[in-house]
Amino acid sequence: MDEVPFFSQILKEQDPEFGGVPVALESSRRTQIMVAGLEVFTEKGFHLASMDDIAKQAGVSKPILYQHFSSKQDFYLGVLDERVDVIVQQISDAINGAVGNRNRLEAAIACYFKLVDDADHGFRLIFESDFTMNHEVRARVEDVVAQVSRVVGNEVANQTGKSLGEANILAGGLCGMAQAAAWRWLRLGRPIAMEVAIRQTLDLAWNGLSAVSAAESSPEADILHLEDRIS
């Protein structure tokens, strides 16, 4: 089984009591199970995946799965939560690791392209789920969009002088554009180098932001945080 980054870093020593099984061993087993679940759910979707499929992929018995998760839906939501945290952290780290507004925007766009280029299972699980009609799944998808928009929104506010409310709306558009551009690039068979695609998307986004006036923000926008209204 190929290594999936971040699982072993995030799933550390959860649930210290596992019937006398050492924590380190059980944490490793949980990681193995969650990686298998991620792969099966991404390949088959929620509805066609079965706990038998995941058990076979993980190389464990089905009763072992139920020691960790009470149902297939509970399992799916657990994997989804972990991937949401990872993707938000990746984009946040990319932005925080860059210097200058343009470089930070480029870092965020590049992160979307790299996630898609690497066929990241978590990215597909979040944005191509066949289970988005479920309100718990939908809430998690909206949450990752909201969290990323807040991170990017802070940078937009710094660049444009807009309130955080207005900046978060612009950030939502920028994130949507980066995601859509990355997927289109992939679906067209990577017709140009990824670096070129990132640069062109950056130019489009940067020029658009440059056209946004730093004029006085509307008073209503100062308290406008749409993502906080998502239940």
C-alpha atoms as a PDB file:
ATOM      1  CA  MET A   1       0.000   0.000   0.000  1.00  0.00           C
ATOM      2  CA  ASP A   2       1.453   3.355  -0.992  1.00  0.00           C
ATOM      3  CA  GLU A   3       2.188   5.769   1.802  1.00  0.00           C
ATOM      4  CA  VAL A   4      -0.402   8.499   2.209  1.00  0.00           C
ATOM      5  CA  PRO A   5       1.125  11.591   3.817  1.00  0.00           C
ATOM      6  CA  PHE A   6      -0.137  13.136   7.038  1.00  0.00           C
ATOM      7  CA  PHE A   7      -2.203  10.243   8.367  1.00  0.00           C
ATOM      8  CA  SER A   8       0.593   9.009  10.611  1.00  0.00           C
ATOM      9  CA  GLN A   9       1.289  12.562  11.741  1.00  0.00           C
ATOM     10  CA  ILE A  10      -2.273  13.411  12.660  1.00  0.00           C
ATOM     11  CA  LEU A  11      -3.608  10.149  14.025  1.00  0.00           C
ATOM     12  CA  LYS A  12      -1.301   9.888  16.991  1.00  0.00           C
ATOM     13  CA  GLU A  13      -2.208   7.951  20.099  1.00  0.00           C
ATOM     14  CA  GLN A  14      -5.935   8.426  19.803  1.00  0.00           C
ATOM     15  CA  ASP A  15      -8.101   6.260  22.037  1.00  0.00           C
ATOM     16  CA  PRO A  16      -5.577   4.929  24.557  1.00  0.00           C
ATOM     17  CA  GLU A  17      -7.673   1.904  25.531  1.00  0.00           C
ATOM     18  CA  PHE A  18      -7.937  -0.881  23.004  1.00  0.00           C
ATOM     19  CA  GLY A  19      -8.371  -4.045  25.017  1.00  0.00           C
ATOM     20  CA  GLY A  20      -4.761  -4.299  26.092  1.00  0.00           C
ATOM     21  CA  VAL A  21      -3.322  -3.731  22.609  1.00  0.00           C
ATOM     22  CA  PRO A  22      -0.337  -1.349  22.794  1.00  0.00           C
ATOM     23  CA  VAL A  23      -1.216   2.201  21.745  1.00  0.00           C
ATOM     24  CA  ALA A  24       1.557   2.418  19.154  1.00  0.00           C
ATOM     25  CA  LEU A  25       0.397  -0.793  17.480  1.00  0.00           C
ATOM     26  CA  GLU A  26      -3.241   0.208  17.555  1.00  0.00           C
ATOM     27  CA  SER A  27      -2.467   3.682  16.207  1.00  0.00           C
ATOM     28  CA  SER A  28      -0.580   2.078  13.346  1.00  0.00           C
ATOM     29  CA  ARG A  29      -3.507  -0.233  12.668  1.00  0.00           C
ATOM     30  CA  ARG A  30      -5.961   2.672  12.748  1.00  0.00           C
ATOM     31  CA  THR A  31      -3.784   4.549  10.276  1.00  0.00           C
ATOM     32  CA  GLN A  32      -3.698   1.487   8.025  1.00  0.00           C
ATOM     33  CA  ILE A  33      -7.483   1.182   8.212  1.00  0.00           C
ATOM     34  CA  MET A  34      -8.090   4.855   7.480  1.00  0.00           C
ATOM     35  CA  VAL A  35      -5.718   4.841   4.512  1.00  0.00           C
ATOM     36  CA  ALA A  36      -7.592   1.827   3.141  1.00  0.00           C
ATOM     37  CA  GLY A  37     -10.907   3.589   3.725  1.00  0.00           C
ATOM     38  CA  LEU A  38      -9.685   6.697   1.929  1.00  0.00           C
ATOM     39  CA  GLU A  39      -8.606   4.650  -1.077  1.00  0.00           C
ATOM     40  CA  VAL A  40     -11.799   2.590  -1.281  1.00  0.00           C
ATOM     41  CA  PHE A  41     -14.175   5.519  -0.726  1.00  0.00           C
ATOM     42  CA  THR A  42     -12.331   7.582  -3.335  1.00  0.00           C
ATOM     43  CA  GLU A  43     -12.332   4.767  -5.892  1.00  0.00           C
ATOM     44  CA  LYS A  44     -15.889   3.489  -5.394  1.00  0.00           C
ATOM     45  CA  GLY A  45     -17.713   6.342  -3.706  1.00  0.00           C
ATOM     46  CA  PHE A  46     -19.652   6.049  -0.480  1.00  0.00           C
ATOM     47  CA  HIS A  47     -22.629   4.149  -1.845  1.00  0.00           C
ATOM     48  CA  LEU A  48     -20.723   1.394  -3.657  1.00  0.00           C
ATOM     49  CA  ALA A  49     -17.999   0.956  -1.058  1.00  0.00           C
ATOM     50  CA  SER A  50     -18.528  -1.687   1.599  1.00  0.00           C
ATOM     51  CA  MET A  51     -16.910  -2.441   4.915  1.00  0.00           C
ATOM     52  CA  ASP A  52     -15.858  -5.771   3.383  1.00  0.00           C
ATOM     53  CA  ASP A  53     -13.999  -3.877   0.654  1.00  0.00           C
ATOM     54  CA  ILE A  54     -12.198  -1.735   3.208  1.00  0.00           C
ATOM     55  CA  ALA A  55     -11.329  -4.679   5.437  1.00  0.00           C
ATOM     56  CA  LYS A  56      -9.829  -6.509   2.456  1.00  0.00           C
ATOM     57  CA  GLN A  57      -7.881  -3.425   1.386  1.00  0.00           C
ATOM     58  CA  ALA A  58      -6.578  -2.904   4.924  1.00  0.00           C
ATOM     59  CA  GLY A  59      -5.773  -6.571   5.448  1.00  0.00           C
ATOM     60  CA  VAL A  60      -7.869  -6.861   8.600  1.00  0.00           C
ATOM     61  CA  SER A  61     -11.121  -8.549   9.557  1.00  0.00           C
ATOM     62  CA  LYS A  62     -14.385  -6.630   9.406  1.00  0.00           C
ATOM     63  CA  PRO A  63     -14.890  -6.842  13.201  1.00  0.00           C
ATOM     64  CA  ILE A  64     -11.631  -4.913  13.562  1.00  0.00           C
ATOM     65  CA  LEU A  65     -13.159  -2.054  11.553  1.00  0.00           C
ATOM     66  CA  TYR A  66     -16.110  -1.910  13.904  1.00  0.00           C
ATOM     67  CA  GLN A  67     -13.749  -1.558  16.847  1.00  0.00           C
ATOM     68  CA  HIS A  68     -12.841   1.826  15.423  1.00  0.00           C
ATOM     69  CA  PHE A  69     -16.012   2.959  13.650  1.00  0.00           C
ATOM     70  CA  SER A  70     -19.641   2.181  14.455  1.00  0.00           C
ATOM     71  CA  SER A  71     -20.854   2.258  10.834  1.00  0.00           C
ATOM     72  CA  LYS A  72     -19.790   2.915   7.268  1.00  0.00           C
ATOM     73  CA  GLN A  73     -21.053   6.481   7.546  1.00  0.00           C
ATOM     74  CA  ASP A  74     -19.116   7.035  10.769  1.00  0.00           C
ATOM     75  CA  PHE A  75     -16.027   5.675   9.007  1.00  0.00           C
ATOM     76  CA  TYR A  76     -16.557   7.929   5.996  1.00  0.00           C
ATOM     77  CA  LEU A  77     -17.010  11.024   8.144  1.00  0.00           C
ATOM     78  CA  GLY A  78     -13.877  10.177  10.148  1.00  0.00           C
ATOM     79  CA  VAL A  79     -11.777   9.955   6.991  1.00  0.00           C
ATOM     80  CA  LEU A  80     -13.373  13.104   5.596  1.00  0.00           C
ATOM     81  CA  ASP A  81     -12.667  15.084   8.777  1.00  0.00           C
ATOM     82  CA  GLU A  82      -9.013  14.086   8.689  1.00  0.00           C
ATOM     83  CA  ARG A  83      -8.629  15.069   5.053  1.00  0.00           C
ATOM     84  CA  VAL A  84     -10.374  18.413   5.583  1.00  0.00           C
ATOM     85  CA  ASP A  85      -7.881  19.254   8.319  1.00  0.00           C
ATOM     86  CA  VAL A  86      -4.947  18.244   6.135  1.00  0.00           C
ATOM     87  CA  ILE A  87      -5.981  20.232   3.070  1.00  0.00           C
ATOM     88  CA  VAL A  88      -6.713  23.383   5.077  1.00  0.00           C
ATOM     89  CA  GLN A  89      -3.349  23.016   6.813  1.00  0.00           C
ATOM     90  CA  GLN A  90      -1.511  22.492   3.520  1.00  0.00           C
ATOM     91  CA  ILE A  91      -2.949  25.635   1.972  1.00  0.00           C
ATOM     92  CA  SER A  92      -2.428  27.631   5.152  1.00  0.00           C
ATOM     93  CA  ASP A  93       1.198  26.490   5.412  1.00  0.00           C
ATOM     94  CA  ALA A  94       1.803  27.312   1.747  1.00  0.00           C
ATOM     95  CA  ILE A  95       0.502  30.846   2.231  1.00  0.00           C
ATOM     96  CA  ASN A  96       2.314  31.426   5.515  1.00  0.00           C
ATOM     97  CA  GLY A  97       5.546  30.157   4.024  1.00  0.00           C
ATOM     98  CA  ALA A  98       5.566  32.774   1.256  1.00  0.00           C
ATOM     99  CA  VAL A  99       6.619  36.421   1.492  1.00  0.00           C
ATOM    100  CA  GLY A 100       4.605  39.139  -0.236  1.00  0.00           C
ATOM    101  CA  ASN A 101       0.962  39.222  -1.303  1.00  0.00           C
ATOM    102  CA  ARG A 102       1.532  38.005  -4.870  1.00  0.00           C
ATOM    103  CA  ASN A 103       3.741  35.160  -3.691  1.00  0.00           C
ATOM    104  CA  ARG A 104       1.164  34.142  -1.098  1.00  0.00           C
ATOM    105  CA  LEU A 105      -1.568  34.071  -3.716  1.00  0.00           C
ATOM    106  CA  GLU A 106       0.681  32.052  -6.010  1.00  0.00           C
ATOM    107  CA  ALA A 107       1.382  29.605  -3.176  1.00  0.00           C
ATOM    108  CA  ALA A 108      -2.335  29.054  -2.608  1.00  0.00           C
ATOM    109  CA  ILE A 109      -3.020  28.485  -6.314  1.00  0.00           C
ATOM    110  CA  ALA A 110      -0.023  26.168  -6.616  1.00  0.00           C
ATOM    111  CA  CYS A 111      -1.320  24.130  -3.702  1.00  0.00           C
ATOM    112  CA  TYR A 112      -4.575  23.422  -5.550  1.00  0.00           C
ATOM    113  CA  PHE A 113      -2.681  22.372  -8.680  1.00  0.00           C
ATOM    114  CA  LYS A 114      -0.309  20.119  -6.752  1.00  0.00           C
ATOM    115  CA  LEU A 115      -3.149  18.430  -4.901  1.00  0.00           C
ATOM    116  CA  VAL A 116      -4.861  17.680  -8.202  1.00  0.00           C
ATOM    117  CA  ASP A 117      -1.650  16.699  -9.981  1.00  0.00           C
ATOM    118  CA  ASP A 118      -0.799  14.216  -7.239  1.00  0.00           C
ATOM    119  CA  ALA A 119      -4.280  12.701  -7.550  1.00  0.00           C
ATOM    120  CA  ASP A 120      -4.726  13.434  -3.866  1.00  0.00           C
ATOM    121  CA  HIS A 121      -7.410  11.095  -2.598  1.00  0.00           C
ATOM    122  CA  GLY A 122      -8.552  13.522   0.053  1.00  0.00           C
ATOM    123  CA  PHE A 123      -9.095  16.330  -2.429  1.00  0.00           C
ATOM    124  CA  ARG A 124     -11.218  14.041  -4.576  1.00  0.00           C
ATOM    125  CA  LEU A 125     -13.090  12.715  -1.560  1.00  0.00           C
ATOM    126  CA  ILE A 126     -14.055  16.244  -0.518  1.00  0.00           C
ATOM    127  CA  PHE A 127     -14.844  17.837  -3.852  1.00  0.00           C
ATOM    128  CA  GLU A 128     -16.101  14.847  -5.864  1.00  0.00           C
ATOM    129  CA  SER A 129     -18.042  12.974  -3.210  1.00  0.00           C
ATOM    130  CA  ASP A 130     -21.153  11.053  -4.243  1.00  0.00           C
ATOM    131  CA  PHE A 131     -22.479  11.584  -0.739  1.00  0.00           C
ATOM    132  CA  THR A 132     -22.747  15.375  -0.662  1.00  0.00           C
ATOM    133  CA  MET A 133     -26.526  15.263  -0.257  1.00  0.00           C
ATOM    134  CA  ASN A 134     -25.891  14.062   3.292  1.00  0.00           C
ATOM    135  CA  HIS A 135     -26.041  17.180   5.473  1.00  0.00           C
ATOM    136  CA  GLU A 136     -23.036  16.137   7.579  1.00  0.00           C
ATOM    137  CA  VAL A 137     -20.887  15.656   4.480  1.00  0.00           C
ATOM    138  CA  ARG A 138     -22.167  18.874   2.942  1.00  0.00           C
ATOM    139  CA  ALA A 139     -21.305  20.761   6.124  1.00  0.00           C
ATOM    140  CA  ARG A 140     -17.746  19.446   6.000  1.00  0.00           C
ATOM    141  CA  VAL A 141     -17.308  20.444   2.350  1.00  0.00           C
ATOM    142  CA  GLU A 142     -18.632  23.912   3.123  1.00  0.00           C
ATOM    143  CA  ASP A 143     -16.359  24.053   6.138  1.00  0.00           C
ATOM    144  CA  VAL A 144     -13.201  23.424   4.131  1.00  0.00           C
ATOM    145  CA  VAL A 145     -14.237  26.113   1.636  1.00  0.00           C
ATOM    146  CA  ALA A 146     -14.961  28.513   4.494  1.00  0.00           C
ATOM    147  CA  GLN A 147     -11.694  27.791   6.294  1.00  0.00           C
ATOM    148  CA  VAL A 148      -9.589  28.240   3.170  1.00  0.00           C
ATOM    149  CA  SER A 149     -11.521  31.390   2.251  1.00  0.00           C
ATOM    150  CA  ARG A 150     -10.749  32.853   5.667  1.00  0.00           C
ATOM    151  CA  VAL A 151      -7.032  32.145   5.233  1.00  0.00           C
ATOM    152  CA  VAL A 152      -6.956  33.640   1.731  1.00  0.00           C
ATOM    153  CA  GLY A 153      -9.344  36.392   2.800  1.00  0.00           C
ATOM    154  CA  ASN A 154      -6.834  37.761   5.297  1.00  0.00           C
ATOM    155  CA  GLU A 155      -4.343  38.177   2.466  1.00  0.00           C
ATOM    156  CA  VAL A 156      -6.946  39.776   0.206  1.00  0.00           C
ATOM    157  CA  ALA A 157      -7.848  42.227   2.958  1.00  0.00           C
ATOM    158  CA  ASN A 158      -4.194  43.164   3.338  1.00  0.00           C
ATOM    159  CA  GLN A 159      -3.821  43.760  -0.398  1.00  0.00           C
ATOM    160  CA  THR A 160      -7.065  45.588  -1.175  1.00  0.00           C
ATOM    161  CA  GLY A 161      -7.874  47.352   2.079  1.00  0.00           C
ATOM    162  CA  LYS A 162     -11.311  45.766   2.073  1.00  0.00           C
ATOM    163  CA  SER A 163     -13.014  44.618   5.223  1.00  0.00           C
ATOM    164  CA  LEU A 164     -12.628  40.961   6.130  1.00  0.00           C
ATOM    165  CA  GLY A 165     -16.242  40.347   5.164  1.00  0.00           C
ATOM    166  CA  GLU A 166     -15.752  41.677   1.642  1.00  0.00           C
ATOM    167  CA  ALA A 167     -12.325  40.073   1.387  1.00  0.00           C
ATOM    168  CA  ASN A 168     -13.763  36.668   2.290  1.00  0.00           C
ATOM    169  CA  ILE A 169     -16.233  36.941  -0.574  1.00  0.00           C
ATOM    170  CA  LEU A 170     -13.399  37.755  -2.983  1.00  0.00           C
ATOM    171  CA  ALA A 171     -11.340  34.935  -1.488  1.00  0.00           C
ATOM    172  CA  GLY A 172     -14.162  32.494  -2.143  1.00  0.00           C
ATOM    173  CA  GLY A 173     -14.069  33.495  -5.803  1.00  0.00           C
ATOM    174  CA  LEU A 174     -10.295  33.141  -5.958  1.00  0.00           C
ATOM    175  CA  CYS A 175     -10.355  29.691  -4.359  1.00  0.00           C
ATOM    176  CA  GLY A 176     -13.126  28.562  -6.678  1.00  0.00           C
ATOM    177  CA  MET A 177     -11.146  29.784  -9.674  1.00  0.00           C
ATOM    178  CA  ALA A 178      -7.964  28.027  -8.537  1.00  0.00           C
ATOM    179  CA  GLN A 179      -9.842  24.785  -7.927  1.00  0.00           C
ATOM    180  CA  ALA A 180     -11.697  24.946 -11.247  1.00  0.00           C
ATOM    181  CA  ALA A 181      -8.555  25.841 -13.195  1.00  0.00           C
ATOM    182  CA  ALA A 182      -6.606  22.992 -11.627  1.00  0.00           C
ATOM    183  CA  TRP A 183      -9.321  20.430 -12.386  1.00  0.00           C
ATOM    184  CA  ARG A 184      -9.691  21.678 -15.968  1.00  0.00           C
ATOM    185  CA  TRP A 185      -5.943  21.472 -16.496  1.00  0.00           C
ATOM    186  CA  LEU A 186      -5.974  17.885 -15.257  1.00  0.00           C
ATOM    187  CA  ARG A 187      -9.032  16.854 -17.299  1.00  0.00           C
ATOM    188  CA  LEU A 188      -7.510  18.268 -20.470  1.00  0.00           C
ATOM    189  CA  GLY A 189      -4.532  15.976 -19.962  1.00  0.00           C
ATOM    190  CA  ARG A 190      -2.072  18.556 -18.601  1.00  0.00           C
ATOM    191  CA  PRO A 191      -1.758  20.357 -21.974  1.00  0.00           C
ATOM    192  CA  ILE A 192       0.796  22.814 -20.581  1.00  0.00           C
ATOM    193  CA  ALA A 193       3.378  22.586 -17.831  1.00  0.00           C
ATOM    194  CA  MET A 194       1.910  22.920 -14.354  1.00  0.00           C
ATOM    195  CA  GLU A 195       4.158  25.900 -13.641  1.00  0.00           C
ATOM    196  CA  VAL A 196       2.762  27.694 -16.693  1.00  0.00           C
ATOM    197  CA  ALA A 197      -0.819  26.904 -15.698  1.00  0.00           C
ATOM    198  CA  ILE A 198      -0.178  28.208 -12.190  1.00  0.00           C
ATOM    199  CA  ARG A 199       1.408  31.391 -13.514  1.00  0.00           C
ATOM    200  CA  GLN A 200      -1.465  32.057 -15.923  1.00  0.00           C
ATOM    201  CA  THR A 201      -4.060  31.467 -13.220  1.00  0.00           C
ATOM    202  CA  LEU A 202      -2.069  33.737 -10.910  1.00  0.00           C
ATOM    203  CA  ASP A 203      -1.980  36.489 -13.542  1.00  0.00           C
ATOM    204  CA  LEU A 204      -5.727  36.257 -13.974  1.00  0.00           C
ATOM    205  CA  ALA A 205      -6.336  36.366 -10.231  1.00  0.00           C
ATOM    206  CA  TRP A 206      -3.774  39.091  -9.514  1.00  0.00           C
ATOM    207  CA  ASN A 207      -4.991  41.368 -12.291  1.00  0.00           C
ATOM    208  CA  GLY A 208      -8.538  40.890 -11.069  1.00  0.00           C
ATOM    209  CA  LEU A 209      -7.566  41.814  -7.537  1.00  0.00           C
ATOM    210  CA  SER A 210      -5.652  44.819  -8.793  1.00  0.00           C
ATOM    211  CA  ALA A 211      -8.876  46.103 -10.311  1.00  0.00           C
ATOM    212  CA  VAL A 212     -10.656  45.931  -6.969  1.00  0.00           C
ATOM    213  CA  SER A 213     -10.608  49.408  -5.534  1.00  0.00           C
ATOM    214  CA  ALA A 214      -9.421  49.928  -2.000  1.00  0.00           C
ATOM    215  CA  ALA A 215     -12.154  52.518  -1.606  1.00  0.00           C
ATOM    216  CA  GLU A 216     -14.255  52.758   1.511  1.00  0.00           C
ATOM    217  CA  SER A 217     -15.808  49.451   2.432  1.00  0.00           C
ATOM    218  CA  SER A 218     -19.512  49.143   3.054  1.00  0.00           C
ATOM    219  CA  PRO A 219     -20.385  49.215   6.790  1.00  0.00           C
ATOM    220  CA  GLU A 220     -22.387  46.020   6.437  1.00  0.00           C
ATOM    221  CA  ALA A 221     -19.346  44.177   5.127  1.00  0.00           C
ATOM    222  CA  ASP A 222     -17.450  44.759   8.359  1.00  0.00           C
ATOM    223  CA  ILE A 223     -19.649  42.206  10.066  1.00  0.00           C
ATOM    224  CA  LEU A 224     -20.305  39.998   7.061  1.00  0.00           C
ATOM    225  CA  HIS A 225     -18.973  36.512   7.682  1.00  0.00           C
ATOM    226  CA  LEU A 226     -21.086  34.212   5.549  1.00  0.00           C
ATOM    227  CA  GLU A 227     -19.249  31.080   6.562  1.00  0.00           C
ATOM    228  CA  ASP A 228     -20.324  31.590  10.174  1.00  0.00           C
ATOM    229  CA  ARG A 229     -23.935  31.220   9.087  1.00  0.00           C
ATOM    230  CA  ILE A 230     -23.396  27.729   7.764  1.00  0.00           C
ATOM    231  CA  SER A 231     -24.972  25.248  10.129  1.00  0.00           C
END
